[in-house]
Amino acid sequence: MRGRTAIADNTLIAPWVRRLLLEHVVGDRNLSINTQKSYRDMLLQLLPSMATQARRAVERLTVSDLSADRIRRFLKDIEGKRRCTVRTRNQRLSAIHALARFIGQNAPEHLQWCAEVRLIPFKKTMDRAITCLDRQEIHALLAAPARQTPQGARDYALLLFLY
């Protein structure tokens, strides 16, 4: 390795990503296929963004290249440029926190980095209001089925039961 600086394997992010997806998400946690895809999709967005900010190739990114400040910029970009909702932003951040927790648990030398990343807060979201129909809307809904037909009579009975 003359002429090149050797980076220890545990400082490169690529082996950690592989271990997270194969060992942790699938093996240790047995997360659903949709959650696995969500982690993968987050990484597909995060890693190129980090590589651009660090001015490195994706395969040369180190754990420290994924700094808390860069991750905050990434989260801001997915809300602004990609027009993702706060819920989506928080979902991506949750996966980033899982990556940081996994690395921190398996490499004590990265605990400071892990703590900094895990301090990035989730944004508050508004709970969707549960609305109900008023009397006029209920009457309009009950008047919709054609009660002369068997299917209409059935639909009316179901709507009346649900009301």
Protein backbone atom coordinates (compact mmCIF):
# COMPACT_ATOMS: atom_id res chain seq x y z
CA MET A 1 0.00 0.00 0.00
CA ARG A 2 2.79 2.43 -0.77
CA GLY A 3 1.65 5.83 -1.89
CA ARG A 4 -1.89 5.39 -0.49
CA THR A 5 -3.24 6.10 2.94
CA ALA A 6 -4.84 2.99 4.35
CA ILE A 7 -8.12 3.56 6.16
CA ALA A 8 -9.04 0.95 8.70
CA ASP A 9 -12.09 -1.07 7.67
CA ASN A 10 -14.18 0.16 10.59
CA THR A 11 -13.84 3.80 9.53
CA LEU A 12 -15.34 3.25 6.06
CA ILE A 13 -19.14 3.51 6.00
CA ALA A 14 -19.65 0.85 3.30
CA PRO A 15 -19.02 -2.22 5.52
CA TRP A 16 -21.29 -0.73 8.18
CA VAL A 17 -24.09 -0.22 5.65
CA ARG A 18 -23.76 -3.81 4.51
CA ARG A 19 -23.77 -5.13 8.07
CA LEU A 20 -26.72 -2.93 9.01
CA LEU A 21 -28.85 -4.15 6.12
CA LEU A 22 -27.87 -7.81 6.21
CA GLU A 23 -27.06 -8.57 9.83
CA HIS A 24 -29.06 -6.10 11.87
CA VAL A 25 -32.20 -5.31 9.88
CA VAL A 26 -32.72 -8.82 8.53
CA GLY A 27 -30.87 -11.10 10.96
CA ASP A 28 -31.07 -9.48 14.40
CA ARG A 29 -34.31 -7.50 14.18
CA ASN A 30 -36.18 -9.45 11.46
CA LEU A 31 -37.84 -6.22 10.31
CA SER A 32 -40.58 -6.30 7.70
CA ILE A 33 -39.72 -6.15 4.02
CA ASN A 34 -41.20 -2.65 3.83
CA THR A 35 -38.96 -1.44 6.67
CA GLN A 36 -35.96 -3.04 4.97
CA LYS A 37 -36.82 -1.17 1.77
CA SER A 38 -37.27 2.05 3.74
CA TYR A 39 -33.75 1.71 5.21
CA ARG A 40 -32.36 0.95 1.76
CA ASP A 41 -34.14 3.92 0.18
CA MET A 42 -32.87 6.23 2.91
CA LEU A 43 -29.31 5.07 2.22
CA LEU A 44 -29.80 5.51 -1.54
CA GLN A 45 -30.60 9.17 -0.85
CA LEU A 46 -28.22 9.80 2.04
CA LEU A 47 -24.96 8.36 0.71
CA PRO A 48 -24.80 10.33 -2.56
CA SER A 49 -25.68 13.49 -0.64
CA MET A 50 -22.90 12.83 1.88
CA ALA A 51 -20.45 12.03 -0.93
CA THR A 52 -21.25 15.31 -2.64
CA GLN A 53 -20.85 17.30 0.57
CA ALA A 54 -17.60 15.50 1.51
CA ARG A 55 -16.29 15.63 -2.09
CA ARG A 56 -15.51 11.93 -2.07
CA ALA A 57 -16.67 8.87 -3.94
CA VAL A 58 -19.47 7.02 -2.17
CA GLU A 59 -17.27 3.96 -1.62
CA ARG A 60 -14.62 6.12 0.11
CA LEU A 61 -16.98 7.73 2.62
CA THR A 62 -16.00 7.31 6.24
CA VAL A 63 -18.21 7.27 9.31
CA SER A 64 -17.03 10.78 10.23
CA ASP A 65 -18.05 12.05 6.77
CA LEU A 66 -21.64 11.54 7.90
CA SER A 67 -21.42 14.40 10.37
CA ALA A 68 -24.44 15.68 12.24
CA ASP A 69 -24.28 18.99 10.33
CA ARG A 70 -24.26 17.23 6.97
CA ILE A 71 -27.15 15.01 8.03
CA ARG A 72 -29.12 18.10 9.08
CA ARG A 73 -28.48 19.62 5.63
CA PHE A 74 -29.61 16.36 4.02
CA LEU A 75 -32.83 16.39 6.05
CA LYS A 76 -33.44 20.03 5.16
CA ASP A 77 -32.90 19.22 1.47
CA ILE A 78 -35.35 16.33 1.42
CA GLU A 79 -37.99 18.62 2.88
CA GLY A 80 -37.16 21.57 0.62
CA LYS A 81 -35.96 20.18 -2.71
CA ARG A 82 -37.70 16.81 -2.69
CA ARG A 83 -40.79 18.26 -0.98
CA CYS A 84 -41.06 15.38 1.47
CA THR A 85 -43.37 15.74 4.43
CA VAL A 86 -42.18 16.02 8.01
CA ARG A 87 -43.32 12.42 8.54
CA THR A 88 -41.05 11.24 5.72
CA ARG A 89 -38.20 13.32 7.08
CA ASN A 90 -38.68 11.77 10.50
CA GLN A 91 -38.80 8.29 8.98
CA ARG A 92 -35.45 8.91 7.25
CA LEU A 93 -34.01 10.29 10.48
CA SER A 94 -35.20 7.21 12.36
CA ALA A 95 -33.25 4.99 9.97
CA ILE A 96 -30.19 7.25 10.33
CA HIS A 97 -30.47 6.96 14.11
CA ALA A 98 -30.64 3.17 13.74
CA LEU A 99 -27.45 3.22 11.66
CA ALA A 100 -25.71 5.39 14.26
CA ARG A 101 -26.89 3.18 17.12
CA PHE A 102 -25.71 0.05 15.28
CA ILE A 103 -22.27 1.52 14.60
CA GLY A 104 -21.97 2.83 18.16
CA GLN A 105 -22.85 -0.56 19.64
CA ASN A 106 -20.27 -2.35 17.53
CA ALA A 107 -17.40 0.18 17.42
CA PRO A 108 -16.76 2.08 20.67
CA GLU A 109 -14.38 4.42 18.87
CA HIS A 110 -17.42 5.88 17.08
CA LEU A 111 -19.50 6.56 20.20
CA GLN A 112 -18.97 10.33 20.05
CA TRP A 113 -20.14 10.39 16.42
CA CYS A 114 -23.08 8.17 17.34
CA ALA A 115 -24.12 10.52 20.16
CA GLU A 116 -23.91 13.59 17.91
CA VAL A 117 -26.03 11.99 15.20
CA ARG A 118 -28.60 10.66 17.67
CA LEU A 119 -29.01 14.16 19.11
CA ILE A 120 -30.58 15.34 15.85
CA PRO A 121 -34.20 15.81 16.92
CA PHE A 122 -37.34 14.65 15.22
CA LYS A 123 -39.70 17.38 14.07
CA LYS A 124 -43.14 17.53 15.58
CA THR A 125 -45.99 16.60 13.29
CA MET A 126 -49.62 17.51 13.49
CA ASP A 127 -51.95 14.65 14.28
CA ARG A 128 -54.63 14.33 11.70
CA ALA A 129 -57.94 15.53 13.04
CA ILE A 130 -60.67 12.93 13.17
CA THR A 131 -63.70 14.48 11.58
CA CYS A 132 -67.27 13.32 11.56
CA LEU A 133 -70.18 13.98 9.28
CA ASP A 134 -72.93 16.35 10.33
CA ARG A 135 -76.65 15.43 10.14
CA GLN A 136 -77.11 16.93 6.66
CA GLU A 137 -74.11 14.99 5.26
CA ILE A 138 -75.40 11.73 6.80
CA HIS A 139 -78.83 12.23 5.22
CA ALA A 140 -77.20 12.91 1.84
CA LEU A 141 -75.11 9.75 2.20
CA LEU A 142 -78.15 7.65 3.14
CA ALA A 143 -80.11 9.05 0.19
CA ALA A 144 -77.44 7.99 -2.33
CA PRO A 145 -78.19 4.22 -2.72
CA ALA A 146 -81.10 3.23 -4.95
CA ARG A 147 -83.17 1.35 -2.36
CA GLN A 148 -85.44 -0.20 -5.01
CA THR A 149 -82.67 -2.59 -6.11
CA PRO A 150 -81.31 -5.42 -3.97
CA GLN A 151 -77.79 -3.95 -4.08
CA GLY A 152 -79.09 -0.48 -3.19
CA ALA A 153 -81.13 -1.87 -0.28
CA ARG A 154 -78.03 -3.69 0.96
CA ASP A 155 -75.89 -0.55 0.66
CA TYR A 156 -78.52 1.51 2.50
CA ALA A 157 -78.70 -1.06 5.31
CA LEU A 158 -74.89 -1.10 5.67
CA LEU A 159 -74.67 2.69 5.73
CA LEU A 160 -77.51 2.91 8.24
CA PHE A 161 -75.80 0.31 10.41
CA LEU A 162 -72.49 2.19 10.25
CA TYR A 163 -74.23 5.47 11.13
